[in-house]
Amino acid sequence: MIAELTRPTPALETRNSKDGAKLLAGKVCLVTGGSRGIGRAIVTALAEAGADVAFTYQNSREQAVNLAETLKAQEDIHCRAYQANVASAEEMQEVVKDVIAEFGPITILVNNAGINRDKSFLKMTKAMWDEVMRVNLDGVFSATQLVVQYMLESGWGRIINISSIVGQTGNYGQTNYAATKGALISFTASLARELARKGVTVNAVAPGFIETDMVSGMPEAALAQVKAMTPVGRLGKPEEVADAVVFLASPRSGYVTGQVLAVNGGMYM
């Protein structure tokens, strides 16, 4: 029984609907921060589920172009990368304009872009605080406000905000980051109430410790401690977060709104 509980969970068996059609066929998605880590897995999963996917990146041009070209090489997948600073409302306005011109109105938005500038609170500078707020919160505000009008016009939409277990529990040295991720949860619940009767759902995904470059770079002793504190006994995979996003982006989640889907191996319940 214990072996069953600790065995790695496979990805969703299919991203197709019951009639064999792609689950997100005909949908247009915008993912912020999609070139690396969890964002990369989300872009891949949405594209494989049939959506036309646009994603932003800021500095990782080579990785972004590689991802877009790799996906476009597959049959019936349309994907494009856009360089933009999500903290700039002007740059995001241009991205949204270009995405709509190429793919059509955006019906799925994944607010994934985020940064951390870790330091104990007494050593944290105002600049470090402000930078995290601009990207993690102002970026979400701008992208959502630019896109939601098209969802309302079509009478259907999905907004998925990528929060974090840190937004639920707090963490030493991350008062700025935790504040933004906790705020995203409250933002999600409030916006969900505003849009629920207009065909638009708003949900959050809160990943735990996931196998990304940042987490994998932790000292071995720290990684061992994290695994020991996690009931399933391992780190999560980016694809497991992505599968949660695909569900929330799909028609199957129509009765789910204002919720936080925790993908953390049971670390926080």
C-alpha atoms as a PDB file:
ATOM      1  CA  MET A   1       0.000   0.000   0.000  1.00  0.00           C
ATOM      2  CA  ILE A   2       2.826   2.395   0.870  1.00  0.00           C
ATOM      3  CA  ALA A   3       4.496   1.639  -2.448  1.00  0.00           C
ATOM      4  CA  GLU A   4       1.297   2.583  -4.244  1.00  0.00           C
ATOM      5  CA  LEU A   5       1.086   5.908  -2.441  1.00  0.00           C
ATOM      6  CA  THR A   6       4.677   6.907  -3.158  1.00  0.00           C
ATOM      7  CA  ARG A   7       4.810   5.783  -6.786  1.00  0.00           C
ATOM      8  CA  PRO A   8       5.196   8.750  -9.200  1.00  0.00           C
ATOM      9  CA  THR A   9       1.845   9.800 -10.596  1.00  0.00           C
ATOM     10  CA  PRO A  10       1.588   9.551 -14.407  1.00  0.00           C
ATOM     11  CA  ALA A  11       0.400  12.468 -16.512  1.00  0.00           C
ATOM     12  CA  LEU A  12      -3.229  12.581 -17.575  1.00  0.00           C
ATOM     13  CA  GLU A  13      -3.957   9.593 -19.819  1.00  0.00           C
ATOM     14  CA  THR A  14      -5.342  11.808 -22.569  1.00  0.00           C
ATOM     15  CA  ARG A  15      -5.758  15.454 -23.445  1.00  0.00           C
ATOM     16  CA  ASN A  16      -8.528  14.545 -25.870  1.00  0.00           C
ATOM     17  CA  SER A  17     -12.284  14.782 -25.389  1.00  0.00           C
ATOM     18  CA  LYS A  18     -14.480  11.692 -25.443  1.00  0.00           C
ATOM     19  CA  ASP A  19     -15.105  11.956 -29.180  1.00  0.00           C
ATOM     20  CA  GLY A  20     -11.375  11.986 -29.909  1.00  0.00           C
ATOM     21  CA  ALA A  21     -11.133  15.697 -30.628  1.00  0.00           C
ATOM     22  CA  LYS A  22      -8.489  17.726 -28.882  1.00  0.00           C
ATOM     23  CA  LEU A  23      -9.709  18.989 -25.521  1.00  0.00           C
ATOM     24  CA  LEU A  24      -8.811  22.626 -26.231  1.00  0.00           C
ATOM     25  CA  ALA A  25      -9.323  22.674 -29.992  1.00  0.00           C
ATOM     26  CA  GLY A  26     -10.357  26.119 -31.191  1.00  0.00           C
ATOM     27  CA  LYS A  27      -9.140  27.891 -28.061  1.00  0.00           C
ATOM     28  CA  VAL A  28      -6.504  30.622 -28.049  1.00  0.00           C
ATOM     29  CA  CYS A  29      -4.200  30.750 -25.026  1.00  0.00           C
ATOM     30  CA  LEU A  30      -1.756  33.335 -23.733  1.00  0.00           C
ATOM     31  CA  VAL A  31       0.807  32.178 -21.190  1.00  0.00           C
ATOM     32  CA  THR A  32       3.093  34.706 -19.521  1.00  0.00           C
ATOM     33  CA  GLY A  33       6.589  33.482 -18.724  1.00  0.00           C
ATOM     34  CA  GLY A  34       6.467  30.366 -20.870  1.00  0.00           C
ATOM     35  CA  SER A  35      10.032  29.654 -21.946  1.00  0.00           C
ATOM     36  CA  ARG A  36      11.374  27.726 -18.958  1.00  0.00           C
ATOM     37  CA  GLY A  37      10.427  25.432 -16.096  1.00  0.00           C
ATOM     38  CA  ILE A  38       6.759  25.219 -15.179  1.00  0.00           C
ATOM     39  CA  GLY A  39       5.811  27.757 -17.852  1.00  0.00           C
ATOM     40  CA  ARG A  40       7.440  25.655 -20.566  1.00  0.00           C
ATOM     41  CA  ALA A  41       5.518  22.575 -19.442  1.00  0.00           C
ATOM     42  CA  ILE A  42       2.257  24.565 -19.410  1.00  0.00           C
ATOM     43  CA  VAL A  43       2.815  25.862 -22.959  1.00  0.00           C
ATOM     44  CA  THR A  44       3.577  22.335 -24.170  1.00  0.00           C
ATOM     45  CA  ALA A  45       0.557  20.789 -22.474  1.00  0.00           C
ATOM     46  CA  LEU A  46      -1.882  23.419 -23.757  1.00  0.00           C
ATOM     47  CA  ALA A  47      -0.543  23.070 -27.309  1.00  0.00           C
ATOM     48  CA  GLU A  48      -0.767  19.280 -27.176  1.00  0.00           C
ATOM     49  CA  ALA A  49      -4.359  19.642 -25.955  1.00  0.00           C
ATOM     50  CA  GLY A  50      -5.177  21.441 -29.191  1.00  0.00           C
ATOM     51  CA  ALA A  51      -5.045  25.124 -28.292  1.00  0.00           C
ATOM     52  CA  ASP A  52      -3.256  27.793 -30.300  1.00  0.00           C
ATOM     53  CA  VAL A  53      -0.668  29.029 -27.807  1.00  0.00           C
ATOM     54  CA  ALA A  54       1.165  32.327 -27.532  1.00  0.00           C
ATOM     55  CA  PHE A  55       3.622  32.863 -24.704  1.00  0.00           C
ATOM     56  CA  THR A  56       5.864  35.612 -23.435  1.00  0.00           C
ATOM     57  CA  TYR A  57       9.461  35.552 -22.369  1.00  0.00           C
ATOM     58  CA  GLN A  58      11.815  38.313 -21.307  1.00  0.00           C
ATOM     59  CA  ASN A  59      15.422  37.158 -21.458  1.00  0.00           C
ATOM     60  CA  SER A  60      15.467  33.476 -22.456  1.00  0.00           C
ATOM     61  CA  ARG A  61      15.216  34.049 -26.206  1.00  0.00           C
ATOM     62  CA  GLU A  62      17.037  30.882 -27.280  1.00  0.00           C
ATOM     63  CA  GLN A  63      14.883  28.667 -25.079  1.00  0.00           C
ATOM     64  CA  ALA A  64      11.698  30.450 -26.148  1.00  0.00           C
ATOM     65  CA  VAL A  65      12.424  30.155 -29.874  1.00  0.00           C
ATOM     66  CA  ASN A  66      13.435  26.514 -29.443  1.00  0.00           C
ATOM     67  CA  LEU A  67      10.172  25.699 -27.676  1.00  0.00           C
ATOM     68  CA  ALA A  68       8.003  27.447 -30.254  1.00  0.00           C
ATOM     69  CA  GLU A  69       9.802  25.790 -33.169  1.00  0.00           C
ATOM     70  CA  THR A  70       9.694  22.354 -31.542  1.00  0.00           C
ATOM     71  CA  LEU A  71       5.958  22.589 -30.998  1.00  0.00           C
ATOM     72  CA  LYS A  72       5.214  24.020 -34.445  1.00  0.00           C
ATOM     73  CA  ALA A  73       7.042  21.045 -35.976  1.00  0.00           C
ATOM     74  CA  GLN A  74       4.283  18.802 -34.637  1.00  0.00           C
ATOM     75  CA  GLU A  75       1.131  18.303 -36.667  1.00  0.00           C
ATOM     76  CA  ASP A  76      -1.695  20.803 -36.126  1.00  0.00           C
ATOM     77  CA  ILE A  77       0.131  22.804 -33.436  1.00  0.00           C
ATOM     78  CA  HIS A  78       0.297  26.595 -33.662  1.00  0.00           C
ATOM     79  CA  CYS A  79       2.590  28.375 -31.232  1.00  0.00           C
ATOM     80  CA  ARG A  80       4.505  31.642 -31.074  1.00  0.00           C
ATOM     81  CA  ALA A  81       6.820  33.327 -28.588  1.00  0.00           C
ATOM     82  CA  TYR A  82       6.678  37.055 -27.856  1.00  0.00           C
ATOM     83  CA  GLN A  83       9.389  38.981 -26.042  1.00  0.00           C
ATOM     84  CA  ALA A  84       7.880  41.278 -23.422  1.00  0.00           C
ATOM     85  CA  ASN A  85       8.303  42.530 -19.894  1.00  0.00           C
ATOM     86  CA  VAL A  86       5.006  41.619 -18.208  1.00  0.00           C
ATOM     87  CA  ALA A  87       5.481  44.495 -15.773  1.00  0.00           C
ATOM     88  CA  SER A  88       5.091  46.893 -18.711  1.00  0.00           C
ATOM     89  CA  ALA A  89       1.438  47.475 -19.551  1.00  0.00           C
ATOM     90  CA  GLU A  90       2.487  49.014 -22.870  1.00  0.00           C
ATOM     91  CA  GLU A  91       4.512  45.981 -23.933  1.00  0.00           C
ATOM     92  CA  MET A  92       1.727  43.595 -22.906  1.00  0.00           C
ATOM     93  CA  GLN A  93      -0.797  45.652 -24.842  1.00  0.00           C
ATOM     94  CA  GLU A  94       1.300  45.140 -27.968  1.00  0.00           C
ATOM     95  CA  VAL A  95       1.557  41.409 -27.302  1.00  0.00           C
ATOM     96  CA  VAL A  96      -2.198  41.021 -26.895  1.00  0.00           C
ATOM     97  CA  LYS A  97      -2.783  43.045 -30.062  1.00  0.00           C
ATOM     98  CA  ASP A  98      -0.381  40.839 -32.041  1.00  0.00           C
ATOM     99  CA  VAL A  99      -1.772  37.573 -30.635  1.00  0.00           C
ATOM    100  CA  ILE A 100      -5.324  38.536 -31.582  1.00  0.00           C
ATOM    101  CA  ALA A 101      -4.198  39.526 -35.075  1.00  0.00           C
ATOM    102  CA  GLU A 102      -2.498  36.158 -35.602  1.00  0.00           C
ATOM    103  CA  PHE A 103      -4.689  33.691 -33.699  1.00  0.00           C
ATOM    104  CA  GLY A 104      -7.936  35.457 -32.839  1.00  0.00           C
ATOM    105  CA  PRO A 105      -9.471  36.516 -29.488  1.00  0.00           C
ATOM    106  CA  ILE A 106      -7.760  35.091 -26.413  1.00  0.00           C
ATOM    107  CA  THR A 107     -10.035  32.796 -24.414  1.00  0.00           C
ATOM    108  CA  ILE A 108      -7.507  31.276 -21.986  1.00  0.00           C
ATOM    109  CA  LEU A 109      -4.996  33.277 -19.946  1.00  0.00           C
ATOM    110  CA  VAL A 110      -2.343  31.701 -17.742  1.00  0.00           C
ATOM    111  CA  ASN A 111      -0.588  34.245 -15.515  1.00  0.00           C
ATOM    112  CA  ASN A 112       2.608  32.336 -14.863  1.00  0.00           C
ATOM    113  CA  ALA A 113       5.412  34.917 -15.077  1.00  0.00           C
ATOM    114  CA  GLY A 114       7.023  35.614 -11.738  1.00  0.00           C
ATOM    115  CA  ILE A 115      10.338  36.430 -10.090  1.00  0.00           C
ATOM    116  CA  ASN A 116      11.818  36.193  -6.638  1.00  0.00           C
ATOM    117  CA  ARG A 117      14.354  38.464  -4.952  1.00  0.00           C
ATOM    118  CA  ASP A 118      14.980  36.646  -1.690  1.00  0.00           C
ATOM    119  CA  LYS A 119      16.390  38.272   1.409  1.00  0.00           C
ATOM    120  CA  SER A 120      15.416  38.366   5.063  1.00  0.00           C
ATOM    121  CA  PHE A 121      13.005  41.229   5.674  1.00  0.00           C
ATOM    122  CA  LEU A 122      15.472  43.315   7.691  1.00  0.00           C
ATOM    123  CA  LYS A 123      17.954  43.166   4.804  1.00  0.00           C
ATOM    124  CA  MET A 124      15.441  43.567   1.988  1.00  0.00           C
ATOM    125  CA  THR A 125      15.629  46.791   0.005  1.00  0.00           C
ATOM    126  CA  LYS A 126      12.665  48.759  -1.284  1.00  0.00           C
ATOM    127  CA  ALA A 127      13.923  48.103  -4.816  1.00  0.00           C
ATOM    128  CA  MET A 128      13.791  44.325  -4.236  1.00  0.00           C
ATOM    129  CA  TRP A 129      10.265  44.634  -2.851  1.00  0.00           C
ATOM    130  CA  ASP A 130       9.061  46.820  -5.714  1.00  0.00           C
ATOM    131  CA  GLU A 131      10.531  44.660  -8.464  1.00  0.00           C
ATOM    132  CA  VAL A 132       8.727  41.551  -7.246  1.00  0.00           C
ATOM    133  CA  MET A 133       5.462  43.484  -6.877  1.00  0.00           C
ATOM    134  CA  ARG A 134       5.704  44.903 -10.392  1.00  0.00           C
ATOM    135  CA  VAL A 135       6.224  41.543 -12.088  1.00  0.00           C
ATOM    136  CA  ASN A 136       4.162  39.237  -9.875  1.00  0.00           C
ATOM    137  CA  LEU A 137       1.170  41.513  -9.300  1.00  0.00           C
ATOM    138  CA  ASP A 138       1.187  44.461 -11.703  1.00  0.00           C
ATOM    139  CA  GLY A 139       1.930  42.023 -14.528  1.00  0.00           C
ATOM    140  CA  VAL A 140      -1.115  39.940 -13.620  1.00  0.00           C
ATOM    141  CA  PHE A 141      -3.294  43.038 -13.433  1.00  0.00           C
ATOM    142  CA  SER A 142      -2.223  44.270 -16.869  1.00  0.00           C
ATOM    143  CA  ALA A 143      -2.481  40.944 -18.681  1.00  0.00           C
ATOM    144  CA  THR A 144      -5.841  40.102 -17.149  1.00  0.00           C
ATOM    145  CA  GLN A 145      -7.414  43.490 -17.802  1.00  0.00           C
ATOM    146  CA  LEU A 146      -6.201  43.461 -21.402  1.00  0.00           C
ATOM    147  CA  VAL A 147      -7.572  39.978 -22.113  1.00  0.00           C
ATOM    148  CA  VAL A 148     -10.760  39.655 -20.071  1.00  0.00           C
ATOM    149  CA  GLN A 149     -12.783  41.947 -22.334  1.00  0.00           C
ATOM    150  CA  TYR A 150     -12.463  39.439 -25.185  1.00  0.00           C
ATOM    151  CA  MET A 151     -13.602  36.606 -22.926  1.00  0.00           C
ATOM    152  CA  LEU A 152     -16.667  38.594 -21.927  1.00  0.00           C
ATOM    153  CA  GLU A 153     -17.480  39.315 -25.560  1.00  0.00           C
ATOM    154  CA  SER A 154     -17.355  35.612 -26.416  1.00  0.00           C
ATOM    155  CA  GLY A 155     -19.173  34.559 -23.236  1.00  0.00           C
ATOM    156  CA  TRP A 156     -16.465  32.017 -22.361  1.00  0.00           C
ATOM    157  CA  GLY A 157     -13.071  32.245 -20.749  1.00  0.00           C
ATOM    158  CA  ARG A 158     -10.562  30.719 -18.391  1.00  0.00           C
ATOM    159  CA  ILE A 159      -8.112  32.666 -16.230  1.00  0.00           C
ATOM    160  CA  ILE A 160      -5.528  30.601 -14.351  1.00  0.00           C
ATOM    161  CA  ASN A 161      -3.113  32.262 -11.953  1.00  0.00           C
ATOM    162  CA  ILE A 162       0.027  30.417 -10.908  1.00  0.00           C
ATOM    163  CA  SER A 163       0.487  31.028  -7.202  1.00  0.00           C
ATOM    164  CA  SER A 164       2.733  28.980  -4.894  1.00  0.00           C
ATOM    165  CA  ILE A 165       2.706  26.964  -1.699  1.00  0.00           C
ATOM    166  CA  VAL A 166       4.697  29.900  -0.308  1.00  0.00           C
ATOM    167  CA  GLY A 167       1.617  32.069  -0.769  1.00  0.00           C
ATOM    168  CA  GLN A 168      -0.238  29.707   1.554  1.00  0.00           C
ATOM    169  CA  THR A 169       2.403  29.018   4.194  1.00  0.00           C
ATOM    170  CA  GLY A 170       4.921  31.863   4.005  1.00  0.00           C
ATOM    171  CA  ASN A 171       8.647  31.221   3.890  1.00  0.00           C
ATOM    172  CA  TYR A 172      11.757  32.626   5.519  1.00  0.00           C
ATOM    173  CA  GLY A 173      13.459  35.241   3.348  1.00  0.00           C
ATOM    174  CA  GLN A 174      10.514  35.564   0.969  1.00  0.00           C
ATOM    175  CA  THR A 175       8.212  38.179   2.457  1.00  0.00           C
ATOM    176  CA  ASN A 176       7.970  39.953  -0.902  1.00  0.00           C
ATOM    177  CA  TYR A 177       7.415  36.792  -2.953  1.00  0.00           C
ATOM    178  CA  ALA A 178       4.974  35.282  -0.431  1.00  0.00           C
ATOM    179  CA  ALA A 179       3.015  38.531  -0.302  1.00  0.00           C
ATOM    180  CA  THR A 180       2.498  38.449  -4.078  1.00  0.00           C
ATOM    181  CA  LYS A 181       1.582  34.778  -4.225  1.00  0.00           C
ATOM    182  CA  GLY A 182      -0.850  35.137  -1.339  1.00  0.00           C
ATOM    183  CA  ALA A 183      -2.344  38.193  -3.012  1.00  0.00           C
ATOM    184  CA  LEU A 184      -2.860  36.171  -6.197  1.00  0.00           C
ATOM    185  CA  ILE A 185      -5.070  33.767  -4.260  1.00  0.00           C
ATOM    186  CA  SER A 186      -7.259  36.611  -2.983  1.00  0.00           C
ATOM    187  CA  PHE A 187      -7.267  38.203  -6.440  1.00  0.00           C
ATOM    188  CA  THR A 188      -8.440  34.895  -7.885  1.00  0.00           C
ATOM    189  CA  ALA A 189     -11.339  34.564  -5.455  1.00  0.00           C
ATOM    190  CA  SER A 190     -12.467  38.160  -5.908  1.00  0.00           C
ATOM    191  CA  LEU A 191     -12.318  38.151  -9.694  1.00  0.00           C
ATOM    192  CA  ALA A 192     -14.064  34.780  -9.799  1.00  0.00           C
ATOM    193  CA  ARG A 193     -17.044  36.320  -7.997  1.00  0.00           C
ATOM    194  CA  GLU A 194     -17.167  39.186 -10.491  1.00  0.00           C
ATOM    195  CA  LEU A 195     -17.051  36.997 -13.605  1.00  0.00           C
ATOM    196  CA  ALA A 196     -18.829  33.792 -12.554  1.00  0.00           C
ATOM    197  CA  ARG A 197     -22.133  34.604 -14.260  1.00  0.00           C
ATOM    198  CA  LYS A 198     -20.465  35.843 -17.422  1.00  0.00           C
ATOM    199  CA  GLY A 199     -19.030  32.522 -18.568  1.00  0.00           C
ATOM    200  CA  VAL A 200     -15.513  33.157 -17.269  1.00  0.00           C
ATOM    201  CA  THR A 201     -13.918  31.068 -14.530  1.00  0.00           C
ATOM    202  CA  VAL A 202     -10.917  32.188 -12.489  1.00  0.00           C
ATOM    203  CA  ASN A 203      -8.766  29.722 -10.576  1.00  0.00           C
ATOM    204  CA  ALA A 204      -5.271  29.407  -9.158  1.00  0.00           C
ATOM    205  CA  VAL A 205      -2.712  26.629  -9.120  1.00  0.00           C
ATOM    206  CA  ALA A 206      -0.316  26.539  -6.168  1.00  0.00           C
ATOM    207  CA  PRO A 207       2.712  24.358  -6.906  1.00  0.00           C
ATOM    208  CA  GLY A 208       4.897  22.990  -4.153  1.00  0.00           C
ATOM    209  CA  PHE A 209       8.532  22.044  -4.720  1.00  0.00           C
ATOM    210  CA  ILE A 210       8.803  21.219  -8.417  1.00  0.00           C
ATOM    211  CA  GLU A 211      11.781  19.877 -10.404  1.00  0.00           C
ATOM    212  CA  THR A 212      12.879  23.153 -11.975  1.00  0.00           C
ATOM    213  CA  ASP A 213      16.397  24.526 -12.375  1.00  0.00           C
ATOM    214  CA  MET A 214      15.951  26.700  -9.291  1.00  0.00           C
ATOM    215  CA  VAL A 215      14.802  23.864  -7.027  1.00  0.00           C
ATOM    216  CA  SER A 216      17.207  21.299  -8.455  1.00  0.00           C
ATOM    217  CA  GLY A 217      20.046  23.703  -7.650  1.00  0.00           C
ATOM    218  CA  MET A 218      19.319  23.493  -3.922  1.00  0.00           C
ATOM    219  CA  PRO A 219      21.907  21.720  -1.714  1.00  0.00           C
ATOM    220  CA  GLU A 220      21.398  17.962  -1.480  1.00  0.00           C
ATOM    221  CA  ALA A 221      20.712  18.162   2.243  1.00  0.00           C
ATOM    222  CA  ALA A 222      17.979  20.739   1.679  1.00  0.00           C
ATOM    223  CA  LEU A 223      16.403  18.663  -1.097  1.00  0.00           C
ATOM    224  CA  ALA A 224      16.414  15.608   1.142  1.00  0.00           C
ATOM    225  CA  GLN A 225      14.660  17.604   3.861  1.00  0.00           C
ATOM    226  CA  VAL A 226      12.018  18.827   1.407  1.00  0.00           C
ATOM    227  CA  LYS A 227      11.321  15.277   0.234  1.00  0.00           C
ATOM    228  CA  ALA A 228      11.092  14.069   3.820  1.00  0.00           C
ATOM    229  CA  MET A 229       8.507  16.778   4.581  1.00  0.00           C
ATOM    230  CA  THR A 230       6.419  15.844   1.524  1.00  0.00           C
ATOM    231  CA  PRO A 231       3.954  12.977   2.108  1.00  0.00           C
ATOM    232  CA  VAL A 232       4.485  11.494  -1.379  1.00  0.00           C
ATOM    233  CA  GLY A 233       8.234  11.566  -0.745  1.00  0.00           C
ATOM    234  CA  ARG A 234       9.452  13.280  -3.905  1.00  0.00           C
ATOM    235  CA  LEU A 235       9.562  16.534  -5.836  1.00  0.00           C
ATOM    236  CA  GLY A 236       6.781  17.352  -8.273  1.00  0.00           C
ATOM    237  CA  LYS A 237       7.233  17.437 -12.013  1.00  0.00           C
ATOM    238  CA  PRO A 238       6.462  20.494 -14.158  1.00  0.00           C
ATOM    239  CA  GLU A 239       4.154  18.311 -16.250  1.00  0.00           C
ATOM    240  CA  GLU A 240       2.009  17.607 -13.196  1.00  0.00           C
ATOM    241  CA  VAL A 241       1.433  21.320 -12.721  1.00  0.00           C
ATOM    242  CA  ALA A 242       0.721  21.639 -16.437  1.00  0.00           C
ATOM    243  CA  ASP A 243      -1.919  18.897 -16.316  1.00  0.00           C
ATOM    244  CA  ALA A 244      -3.708  20.811 -13.556  1.00  0.00           C
ATOM    245  CA  VAL A 245      -3.678  23.901 -15.773  1.00  0.00           C
ATOM    246  CA  VAL A 246      -5.069  21.965 -18.752  1.00  0.00           C
ATOM    247  CA  PHE A 247      -7.979  20.757 -16.620  1.00  0.00           C
ATOM    248  CA  LEU A 248      -8.771  24.261 -15.373  1.00  0.00           C
ATOM    249  CA  ALA A 249      -8.479  25.615 -18.925  1.00  0.00           C
ATOM    250  CA  SER A 250     -10.859  23.032 -20.350  1.00  0.00           C
ATOM    251  CA  PRO A 251     -14.647  22.831 -20.647  1.00  0.00           C
ATOM    252  CA  ARG A 252     -14.490  20.065 -18.020  1.00  0.00           C
ATOM    253  CA  SER A 253     -13.845  22.650 -15.296  1.00  0.00           C
ATOM    254  CA  GLY A 254     -16.935  24.751 -15.964  1.00  0.00           C
ATOM    255  CA  TYR A 255     -18.278  24.339 -12.415  1.00  0.00           C
ATOM    256  CA  VAL A 256     -14.921  25.150 -10.801  1.00  0.00           C
ATOM    257  CA  THR A 257     -14.136  28.783 -10.038  1.00  0.00           C
ATOM    258  CA  GLY A 258     -12.432  30.762  -7.290  1.00  0.00           C
ATOM    259  CA  GLN A 259     -10.452  27.705  -6.243  1.00  0.00           C
ATOM    260  CA  VAL A 260      -6.808  26.978  -5.476  1.00  0.00           C
ATOM    261  CA  LEU A 261      -5.612  23.660  -6.886  1.00  0.00           C
ATOM    262  CA  ALA A 262      -2.591  22.665  -4.814  1.00  0.00           C
ATOM    263  CA  VAL A 263      -0.011  20.540  -6.622  1.00  0.00           C
ATOM    264  CA  ASN A 264       2.364  19.962  -3.739  1.00  0.00           C
ATOM    265  CA  GLY A 265       2.495  16.254  -2.918  1.00  0.00           C
ATOM    266  CA  GLY A 266       0.561  16.840   0.287  1.00  0.00           C
ATOM    267  CA  MET A 267       3.116  19.199   1.834  1.00  0.00           C
ATOM    268  CA  TYR A 268       0.365  21.684   2.627  1.00  0.00           C
ATOM    269  CA  MET A 269      -3.218  20.537   3.174  1.00  0.00           C
END
